[in-house]
């Protein structure tokens, strides 16, 4: 999973596990996060080559400033794992 803000973060962080994971918004001017979910292929990740993007979404975080965010992995049907 990769998350990137639209303002100052030019080097988004990757996490290779299934979660849970959290993020903290440090820049008060950030108004949204873009999140990419990619297929887990260690060979491609190590080589930093093309990977299969499973999906992406944009999240409005303007009302979440200074609040701790915790995301949990979902199973089929969008139910918490």
PDB file of N, CA and C in Angstrom:
ATOM      1  N   UNK A   1       0.848  -1.185   0.000  1.00  0.00           N
ATOM      2  CA  UNK A   1       0.000   0.000   0.000  1.00  0.00           C
ATOM      3  C   UNK A   1       0.882   1.233   0.000  1.00  0.00           C
ATOM      4  N   UNK A   2       0.479   2.240  -0.723  1.00  0.00           N
ATOM      5  CA  UNK A   2       1.225   3.492  -0.785  1.00  0.00           C
ATOM      6  C   UNK A   2       0.265   4.640  -0.521  1.00  0.00           C
ATOM      7  N   UNK A   3       0.690   5.572   0.290  1.00  0.00           N
ATOM      8  CA  UNK A   3      -0.126   6.759   0.543  1.00  0.00           C
ATOM      9  C   UNK A   3       0.726   7.995   0.306  1.00  0.00           C
ATOM     10  N   UNK A   4       0.146   8.964  -0.328  1.00  0.00           N
ATOM     11  CA  UNK A   4       0.893  10.165  -0.681  1.00  0.00           C
ATOM     12  C   UNK A   4      -0.018  11.371  -0.499  1.00  0.00           C
ATOM     13  N   UNK A   5       0.503  12.412   0.106  1.00  0.00           N
ATOM     14  CA  UNK A   5      -0.291  13.632   0.240  1.00  0.00           C
ATOM     15  C   UNK A   5      -0.085  14.500  -0.991  1.00  0.00           C
ATOM     16  N   UNK A   6      -0.960  15.458  -1.167  1.00  0.00           N
ATOM     17  CA  UNK A   6      -0.890  16.295  -2.366  1.00  0.00           C
ATOM     18  C   UNK A   6      -0.008  17.516  -2.171  1.00  0.00           C
ATOM     19  N   UNK A   7       0.669  17.627  -1.042  1.00  0.00           N
ATOM     20  CA  UNK A   7       1.409  18.864  -0.797  1.00  0.00           C
ATOM     21  C   UNK A   7       2.912  18.631  -0.733  1.00  0.00           C
ATOM     22  N   UNK A   8       3.416  18.161   0.391  1.00  0.00           N
ATOM     23  CA  UNK A   8       4.865  18.164   0.581  1.00  0.00           C
ATOM     24  C   UNK A   8       5.512  16.791   0.460  1.00  0.00           C
ATOM     25  N   UNK A   9       4.750  15.727   0.478  1.00  0.00           N
ATOM     26  CA  UNK A   9       5.343  14.392   0.478  1.00  0.00           C
ATOM     27  C   UNK A   9       5.615  13.938  -0.945  1.00  0.00           C
ATOM     28  N   UNK A  10       6.871  14.011  -1.337  1.00  0.00           N
ATOM     29  CA  UNK A  10       7.249  13.567  -2.678  1.00  0.00           C
ATOM     30  C   UNK A  10       7.872  12.175  -2.656  1.00  0.00           C
ATOM     31  N   UNK A  11       8.027  11.597  -1.489  1.00  0.00           N
ATOM     32  CA  UNK A  11       8.593  10.258  -1.368  1.00  0.00           C
ATOM     33  C   UNK A  11       7.662   9.424  -0.502  1.00  0.00           C
ATOM     34  N   UNK A  12       6.545   8.967  -1.069  1.00  0.00           N
ATOM     35  CA  UNK A  12       5.556   8.248  -0.277  1.00  0.00           C
ATOM     36  C   UNK A  12       6.115   6.951   0.293  1.00  0.00           C
ATOM     37  N   UNK A  13       5.551   6.542   1.388  1.00  0.00           N
ATOM     38  CA  UNK A  13       6.020   5.344   2.075  1.00  0.00           C
ATOM     39  C   UNK A  13       5.195   4.137   1.652  1.00  0.00           C
ATOM     40  N   UNK A  14       5.892   3.009   1.488  1.00  0.00           N
ATOM     41  CA  UNK A  14       5.231   1.756   1.153  1.00  0.00           C
ATOM     42  C   UNK A  14       5.171   0.881   2.396  1.00  0.00           C
ATOM     43  N   UNK A  15       4.129   0.104   2.507  1.00  0.00           N
ATOM     44  CA  UNK A  15       4.081  -0.940   3.519  1.00  0.00           C
ATOM     45  C   UNK A  15       3.728  -2.237   2.811  1.00  0.00           C
ATOM     46  N   UNK A  16       4.419  -3.327   3.162  1.00  0.00           N
ATOM     47  CA  UNK A  16       4.240  -4.577   2.429  1.00  0.00           C
ATOM     48  C   UNK A  16       3.351  -5.565   3.169  1.00  0.00           C
ATOM     49  N   UNK A  17       2.891  -5.213   4.361  1.00  0.00           N
ATOM     50  CA  UNK A  17       2.035  -6.152   5.083  1.00  0.00           C
ATOM     51  C   UNK A  17       0.569  -5.827   4.817  1.00  0.00           C
ATOM     52  N   UNK A  18      -0.308  -6.538   5.468  1.00  0.00           N
ATOM     53  CA  UNK A  18      -1.738  -6.377   5.228  1.00  0.00           C
ATOM     54  C   UNK A  18      -2.389  -5.383   6.169  1.00  0.00           C
ATOM     55  N   UNK A  19      -1.625  -4.754   7.025  1.00  0.00           N
ATOM     56  CA  UNK A  19      -2.194  -3.828   7.999  1.00  0.00           C
ATOM     57  C   UNK A  19      -2.347  -4.521   9.341  1.00  0.00           C
ATOM     58  N   UNK A  20      -2.914  -3.876  10.335  1.00  0.00           N
ATOM     59  CA  UNK A  20      -3.419  -2.512  10.222  1.00  0.00           C
ATOM     60  C   UNK A  20      -2.282  -1.501  10.079  1.00  0.00           C
ATOM     61  N   UNK A  21      -2.588  -0.361   9.547  1.00  0.00           N
ATOM     62  CA  UNK A  21      -1.592   0.683   9.431  1.00  0.00           C
ATOM     63  C   UNK A  21      -2.253   2.010   9.743  1.00  0.00           C
ATOM     64  N   UNK A  22      -1.440   2.971  10.056  1.00  0.00           N
ATOM     65  CA  UNK A  22      -1.973   4.288  10.376  1.00  0.00           C
ATOM     66  C   UNK A  22      -1.147   5.359   9.697  1.00  0.00           C
ATOM     67  N   UNK A  23      -1.660   6.566   9.694  1.00  0.00           N
ATOM     68  CA  UNK A  23      -0.888   7.678   9.175  1.00  0.00           C
ATOM     69  C   UNK A  23      -1.192   8.912  10.001  1.00  0.00           C
ATOM     70  N   UNK A  24      -0.249   9.811  10.020  1.00  0.00           N
ATOM     71  CA  UNK A  24      -0.404  11.063  10.752  1.00  0.00           C
ATOM     72  C   UNK A  24      -0.211  12.195   9.767  1.00  0.00           C
ATOM     73  N   UNK A  25      -1.126  13.143   9.753  1.00  0.00           N
ATOM     74  CA  UNK A  25      -1.040  14.279   8.840  1.00  0.00           C
ATOM     75  C   UNK A  25      -0.286  15.395   9.545  1.00  0.00           C
ATOM     76  N   UNK A  26       0.908  15.709   9.042  1.00  0.00           N
ATOM     77  CA  UNK A  26       1.740  16.729   9.672  1.00  0.00           C
ATOM     78  C   UNK A  26       1.539  18.104   9.050  1.00  0.00           C
ATOM     79  N   UNK A  27       1.176  18.125   7.789  1.00  0.00           N
ATOM     80  CA  UNK A  27       1.055  19.400   7.086  1.00  0.00           C
ATOM     81  C   UNK A  27      -0.394  19.878   7.145  1.00  0.00           C
ATOM     82  N   UNK A  28      -0.670  20.987   7.795  1.00  0.00           N
ATOM     83  CA  UNK A  28      -2.063  21.452   7.920  1.00  0.00           C
ATOM     84  C   UNK A  28      -2.674  21.886   6.600  1.00  0.00           C
ATOM     85  N   UNK A  29      -1.855  22.033   5.557  1.00  0.00           N
ATOM     86  CA  UNK A  29      -2.376  22.438   4.260  1.00  0.00           C
ATOM     87  C   UNK A  29      -2.768  21.240   3.396  1.00  0.00           C
ATOM     88  N   UNK A  30      -2.510  20.038   3.890  1.00  0.00           N
ATOM     89  CA  UNK A  30      -2.896  18.844   3.149  1.00  0.00           C
ATOM     90  C   UNK A  30      -4.411  18.685   3.208  1.00  0.00           C
ATOM     91  N   UNK A  31      -5.028  18.523   2.057  1.00  0.00           N
ATOM     92  CA  UNK A  31      -6.481  18.350   2.073  1.00  0.00           C
ATOM     93  C   UNK A  31      -6.929  16.993   1.556  1.00  0.00           C
ATOM     94  N   UNK A  32      -6.026  16.231   0.953  1.00  0.00           N
ATOM     95  CA  UNK A  32      -6.428  14.882   0.573  1.00  0.00           C
ATOM     96  C   UNK A  32      -5.215  13.969   0.493  1.00  0.00           C
ATOM     97  N   UNK A  33      -5.457  12.690   0.617  1.00  0.00           N
ATOM     98  CA  UNK A  33      -4.448  11.660   0.419  1.00  0.00           C
ATOM     99  C   UNK A  33      -4.864  10.816  -0.770  1.00  0.00           C
ATOM    100  N   UNK A  34      -3.887  10.416  -1.559  1.00  0.00           N
ATOM    101  CA  UNK A  34      -4.134   9.451  -2.617  1.00  0.00           C
ATOM    102  C   UNK A  34      -3.479   8.141  -2.200  1.00  0.00           C
ATOM    103  N   UNK A  35      -4.249   7.068  -2.229  1.00  0.00           N
ATOM    104  CA  UNK A  35      -3.767   5.768  -1.769  1.00  0.00           C
ATOM    105  C   UNK A  35      -3.784   4.796  -2.942  1.00  0.00           C
ATOM    106  N   UNK A  36      -2.656   4.108  -3.150  1.00  0.00           N
ATOM    107  CA  UNK A  36      -2.554   3.071  -4.171  1.00  0.00           C
ATOM    108  C   UNK A  36      -2.409   1.719  -3.484  1.00  0.00           C
ATOM    109  N   UNK A  37      -3.064   0.707  -4.013  1.00  0.00           N
ATOM    110  CA  UNK A  37      -2.884  -0.663  -3.543  1.00  0.00           C
ATOM    111  C   UNK A  37      -2.300  -1.447  -4.707  1.00  0.00           C
ATOM    112  N   UNK A  38      -1.169  -2.108  -4.458  1.00  0.00           N
ATOM    113  CA  UNK A  38      -0.508  -2.842  -5.527  1.00  0.00           C
ATOM    114  C   UNK A  38      -0.417  -4.311  -5.170  1.00  0.00           C
ATOM    115  N   UNK A  39      -0.277  -5.132  -6.216  1.00  0.00           N
ATOM    116  CA  UNK A  39      -0.102  -6.558  -6.012  1.00  0.00           C
ATOM    117  C   UNK A  39       1.224  -6.844  -5.331  1.00  0.00           C
ATOM    118  N   UNK A  40       1.234  -7.871  -4.486  1.00  0.00           N
ATOM    119  CA  UNK A  40       2.455  -8.202  -3.752  1.00  0.00           C
ATOM    120  C   UNK A  40       3.300  -9.171  -4.572  1.00  0.00           C
ATOM    121  N   UNK A  41       4.281  -8.645  -5.244  1.00  0.00           N
ATOM    122  CA  UNK A  41       5.226  -9.436  -6.017  1.00  0.00           C
ATOM    123  C   UNK A  41       6.618  -9.002  -5.591  1.00  0.00           C
ATOM    124  N   UNK A  42       7.247  -9.736  -4.653  1.00  0.00           N
ATOM    125  CA  UNK A  42       8.538  -9.294  -4.088  1.00  0.00           C
ATOM    126  C   UNK A  42       9.606  -9.020  -5.141  1.00  0.00           C
ATOM    127  N   UNK A  43       9.645  -9.815  -6.208  1.00  0.00           N
ATOM    128  CA  UNK A  43      10.665  -9.620  -7.235  1.00  0.00           C
ATOM    129  C   UNK A  43      10.516  -8.252  -7.888  1.00  0.00           C
ATOM    130  N   UNK A  44       9.292  -7.901  -8.230  1.00  0.00           N
ATOM    131  CA  UNK A  44       9.074  -6.609  -8.873  1.00  0.00           C
ATOM    132  C   UNK A  44       9.292  -5.457  -7.908  1.00  0.00           C
ATOM    133  N   UNK A  45       8.926  -5.658  -6.655  1.00  0.00           N
ATOM    134  CA  UNK A  45       9.110  -4.593  -5.676  1.00  0.00           C
ATOM    135  C   UNK A  45      10.597  -4.319  -5.476  1.00  0.00           C
ATOM    136  N   UNK A  46      11.394  -5.396  -5.386  1.00  0.00           N
ATOM    137  CA  UNK A  46      12.833  -5.234  -5.178  1.00  0.00           C
ATOM    138  C   UNK A  46      13.460  -4.534  -6.383  1.00  0.00           C
ATOM    139  N   UNK A  47      13.064  -4.928  -7.573  1.00  0.00           N
ATOM    140  CA  UNK A  47      13.638  -4.341  -8.783  1.00  0.00           C
ATOM    141  C   UNK A  47      13.079  -2.958  -9.075  1.00  0.00           C
ATOM    142  N   UNK A  48      12.048  -2.575  -8.335  1.00  0.00           N
ATOM    143  CA  UNK A  48      11.412  -1.271  -8.538  1.00  0.00           C
ATOM    144  C   UNK A  48      10.922  -1.111  -9.977  1.00  0.00           C
ATOM    145  N   UNK A  49      10.441  -2.211 -10.545  1.00  0.00           N
ATOM    146  CA  UNK A  49       9.928  -2.163 -11.910  1.00  0.00           C
ATOM    147  C   UNK A  49       8.406  -2.102 -11.872  1.00  0.00           C
ATOM    148  N   UNK A  50       7.794  -2.376 -12.998  1.00  0.00           N
ATOM    149  CA  UNK A  50       6.342  -2.259 -13.074  1.00  0.00           C
ATOM    150  C   UNK A  50       5.671  -3.255 -12.130  1.00  0.00           C
ATOM    151  N   UNK A  51       4.670  -2.780 -11.437  1.00  0.00           N
ATOM    152  CA  UNK A  51       3.894  -3.634 -10.550  1.00  0.00           C
ATOM    153  C   UNK A  51       2.423  -3.474 -10.911  1.00  0.00           C
ATOM    154  N   UNK A  52       1.646  -4.478 -10.568  1.00  0.00           N
ATOM    155  CA  UNK A  52       0.213  -4.431 -10.862  1.00  0.00           C
ATOM    156  C   UNK A  52      -0.490  -3.585  -9.817  1.00  0.00           C
ATOM    157  N   UNK A  53      -1.122  -2.520 -10.262  1.00  0.00           N
ATOM    158  CA  UNK A  53      -1.892  -1.672  -9.357  1.00  0.00           C
ATOM    159  C   UNK A  53      -3.302  -2.246  -9.258  1.00  0.00           C
ATOM    160  N   UNK A  54      -3.687  -2.622  -8.037  1.00  0.00           N
ATOM    161  CA  UNK A  54      -4.994  -3.230  -7.819  1.00  0.00           C
ATOM    162  C   UNK A  54      -6.090  -2.186  -7.688  1.00  0.00           C
ATOM    163  N   UNK A  55      -5.723  -0.993  -7.263  1.00  0.00           N
ATOM    164  CA  UNK A  55      -6.728   0.047  -7.130  1.00  0.00           C
ATOM    165  C   UNK A  55      -6.132   1.291  -6.509  1.00  0.00           C
ATOM    166  N   UNK A  56      -6.857   2.369  -6.600  1.00  0.00           N
ATOM    167  CA  UNK A  56      -6.420   3.593  -5.957  1.00  0.00           C
ATOM    168  C   UNK A  56      -7.648   4.404  -5.582  1.00  0.00           C
ATOM    169  N   UNK A  57      -7.498   5.260  -4.608  1.00  0.00           N
ATOM    170  CA  UNK A  57      -8.603   6.124  -4.216  1.00  0.00           C
ATOM    171  C   UNK A  57      -8.040   7.396  -3.609  1.00  0.00           C
ATOM    172  N   UNK A  58      -8.843   8.414  -3.644  1.00  0.00           N
ATOM    173  CA  UNK A  58      -8.477   9.696  -3.052  1.00  0.00           C
ATOM    174  C   UNK A  58      -9.371   9.923  -1.840  1.00  0.00           C
ATOM    175  N   UNK A  59      -8.763  10.323  -0.739  1.00  0.00           N
ATOM    176  CA  UNK A  59      -9.479  10.464   0.521  1.00  0.00           C
ATOM    177  C   UNK A  59      -9.399  11.913   0.973  1.00  0.00           C
ATOM    178  N   UNK A  60     -10.527  12.499   1.248  1.00  0.00           N
ATOM    179  CA  UNK A  60     -10.571  13.867   1.758  1.00  0.00           C
ATOM    180  C   UNK A  60     -10.245  13.831   3.246  1.00  0.00           C
ATOM    181  N   UNK A  61      -9.132  14.450   3.611  1.00  0.00           N
ATOM    182  CA  UNK A  61      -8.687  14.390   5.007  1.00  0.00           C
ATOM    183  C   UNK A  61      -8.711  15.761   5.674  1.00  0.00           C
ATOM    184  N   UNK A  62      -9.355  16.719   5.044  1.00  0.00           N
ATOM    185  CA  UNK A  62      -9.333  18.071   5.601  1.00  0.00           C
ATOM    186  C   UNK A  62      -9.956  18.134   6.991  1.00  0.00           C
ATOM    187  N   UNK A  63     -10.888  17.233   7.286  1.00  0.00           N
ATOM    188  CA  UNK A  63     -11.519  17.236   8.611  1.00  0.00           C
ATOM    189  C   UNK A  63     -10.829  16.291   9.582  1.00  0.00           C
ATOM    190  N   UNK A  64      -9.773  15.631   9.131  1.00  0.00           N
ATOM    191  CA  UNK A  64      -9.093  14.641   9.964  1.00  0.00           C
ATOM    192  C   UNK A  64      -7.780  15.152  10.532  1.00  0.00           C
ATOM    193  N   UNK A  65      -7.461  16.417  10.285  1.00  0.00           N
ATOM    194  CA  UNK A  65      -6.209  16.980  10.769  1.00  0.00           C
ATOM    195  C   UNK A  65      -6.142  16.837  12.285  1.00  0.00           C
ATOM    196  N   UNK A  66      -4.956  16.429  12.763  1.00  0.00           N
ATOM    197  CA  UNK A  66      -4.676  16.268  14.189  1.00  0.00           C
ATOM    198  C   UNK A  66      -5.450  15.120  14.829  1.00  0.00           C
ATOM    199  N   UNK A  67      -6.081  14.276  14.044  1.00  0.00           N
ATOM    200  CA  UNK A  67      -6.720  13.090  14.590  1.00  0.00           C
ATOM    201  C   UNK A  67      -5.957  11.867  14.122  1.00  0.00           C
ATOM    202  N   UNK A  68      -5.779  10.912  15.008  1.00  0.00           N
ATOM    203  CA  UNK A  68      -5.059   9.691  14.658  1.00  0.00           C
ATOM    204  C   UNK A  68      -5.918   8.841  13.735  1.00  0.00           C
ATOM    205  N   UNK A  69      -5.308   8.373  12.656  1.00  0.00           N
ATOM    206  CA  UNK A  69      -6.027   7.539  11.698  1.00  0.00           C
ATOM    207  C   UNK A  69      -5.523   6.111  11.800  1.00  0.00           C
ATOM    208  N   UNK A  70      -6.425   5.159  11.832  1.00  0.00           N
ATOM    209  CA  UNK A  70      -6.040   3.751  11.822  1.00  0.00           C
ATOM    210  C   UNK A  70      -6.921   3.030  10.817  1.00  0.00           C
ATOM    211  N   UNK A  71      -6.283   2.366   9.863  1.00  0.00           N
ATOM    212  CA  UNK A  71      -7.017   1.606   8.861  1.00  0.00           C
ATOM    213  C   UNK A  71      -6.812   0.132   9.131  1.00  0.00           C
ATOM    214  N   UNK A  72      -7.857  -0.644   9.003  1.00  0.00           N
ATOM    215  CA  UNK A  72      -7.778  -2.084   9.197  1.00  0.00           C
ATOM    216  C   UNK A  72      -7.972  -2.781   7.856  1.00  0.00           C
ATOM    217  N   UNK A  73      -7.310  -3.922   7.666  1.00  0.00           N
ATOM    218  CA  UNK A  73      -7.492  -4.650   6.404  1.00  0.00           C
ATOM    219  C   UNK A  73      -8.929  -5.151   6.287  1.00  0.00           C
ATOM    220  N   UNK A  74      -9.416  -5.219   5.060  1.00  0.00           N
ATOM    221  CA  UNK A  74     -10.775  -5.678   4.812  1.00  0.00           C
ATOM    222  C   UNK A  74     -10.747  -7.018   4.099  1.00  0.00           C
ATOM    223  N   UNK A  75     -11.734  -7.847   4.388  1.00  0.00           N
ATOM    224  CA  UNK A  75     -11.896  -9.088   3.641  1.00  0.00           C
ATOM    225  C   UNK A  75     -13.066  -8.915   2.682  1.00  0.00           C
ATOM    226  N   UNK A  76     -13.448  -9.976   2.024  1.00  0.00           N
ATOM    227  CA  UNK A  76     -14.512  -9.917   1.029  1.00  0.00           C
ATOM    228  C   UNK A  76     -15.769  -9.294   1.623  1.00  0.00           C
ATOM    229  N   UNK A  77     -16.365  -8.369   0.917  1.00  0.00           N
ATOM    230  CA  UNK A  77     -17.554  -7.698   1.393  1.00  0.00           C
ATOM    231  C   UNK A  77     -17.260  -6.466   2.223  1.00  0.00           C
ATOM    232  N   UNK A  78     -15.988  -6.029   2.215  1.00  0.00           N
ATOM    233  CA  UNK A  78     -15.579  -4.833   2.957  1.00  0.00           C
ATOM    234  C   UNK A  78     -15.818  -4.946   4.454  1.00  0.00           C
ATOM    235  N   UNK A  79     -15.706  -6.147   4.976  1.00  0.00           N
ATOM    236  CA  UNK A  79     -15.831  -6.364   6.412  1.00  0.00           C
ATOM    237  C   UNK A  79     -14.435  -6.403   7.031  1.00  0.00           C
ATOM    238  N   UNK A  80     -14.266  -5.875   8.245  1.00  0.00           N
ATOM    239  CA  UNK A  80     -12.939  -5.921   8.888  1.00  0.00           C
ATOM    240  C   UNK A  80     -12.421  -7.346   9.017  1.00  0.00           C
ATOM    241  N   UNK A  81     -11.152  -7.532   8.726  1.00  0.00           N
ATOM    242  CA  UNK A  81     -10.553  -8.866   8.809  1.00  0.00           C
ATOM    243  C   UNK A  81     -10.311  -9.246  10.260  1.00  0.00           C
TER     244      UNK A  81
END
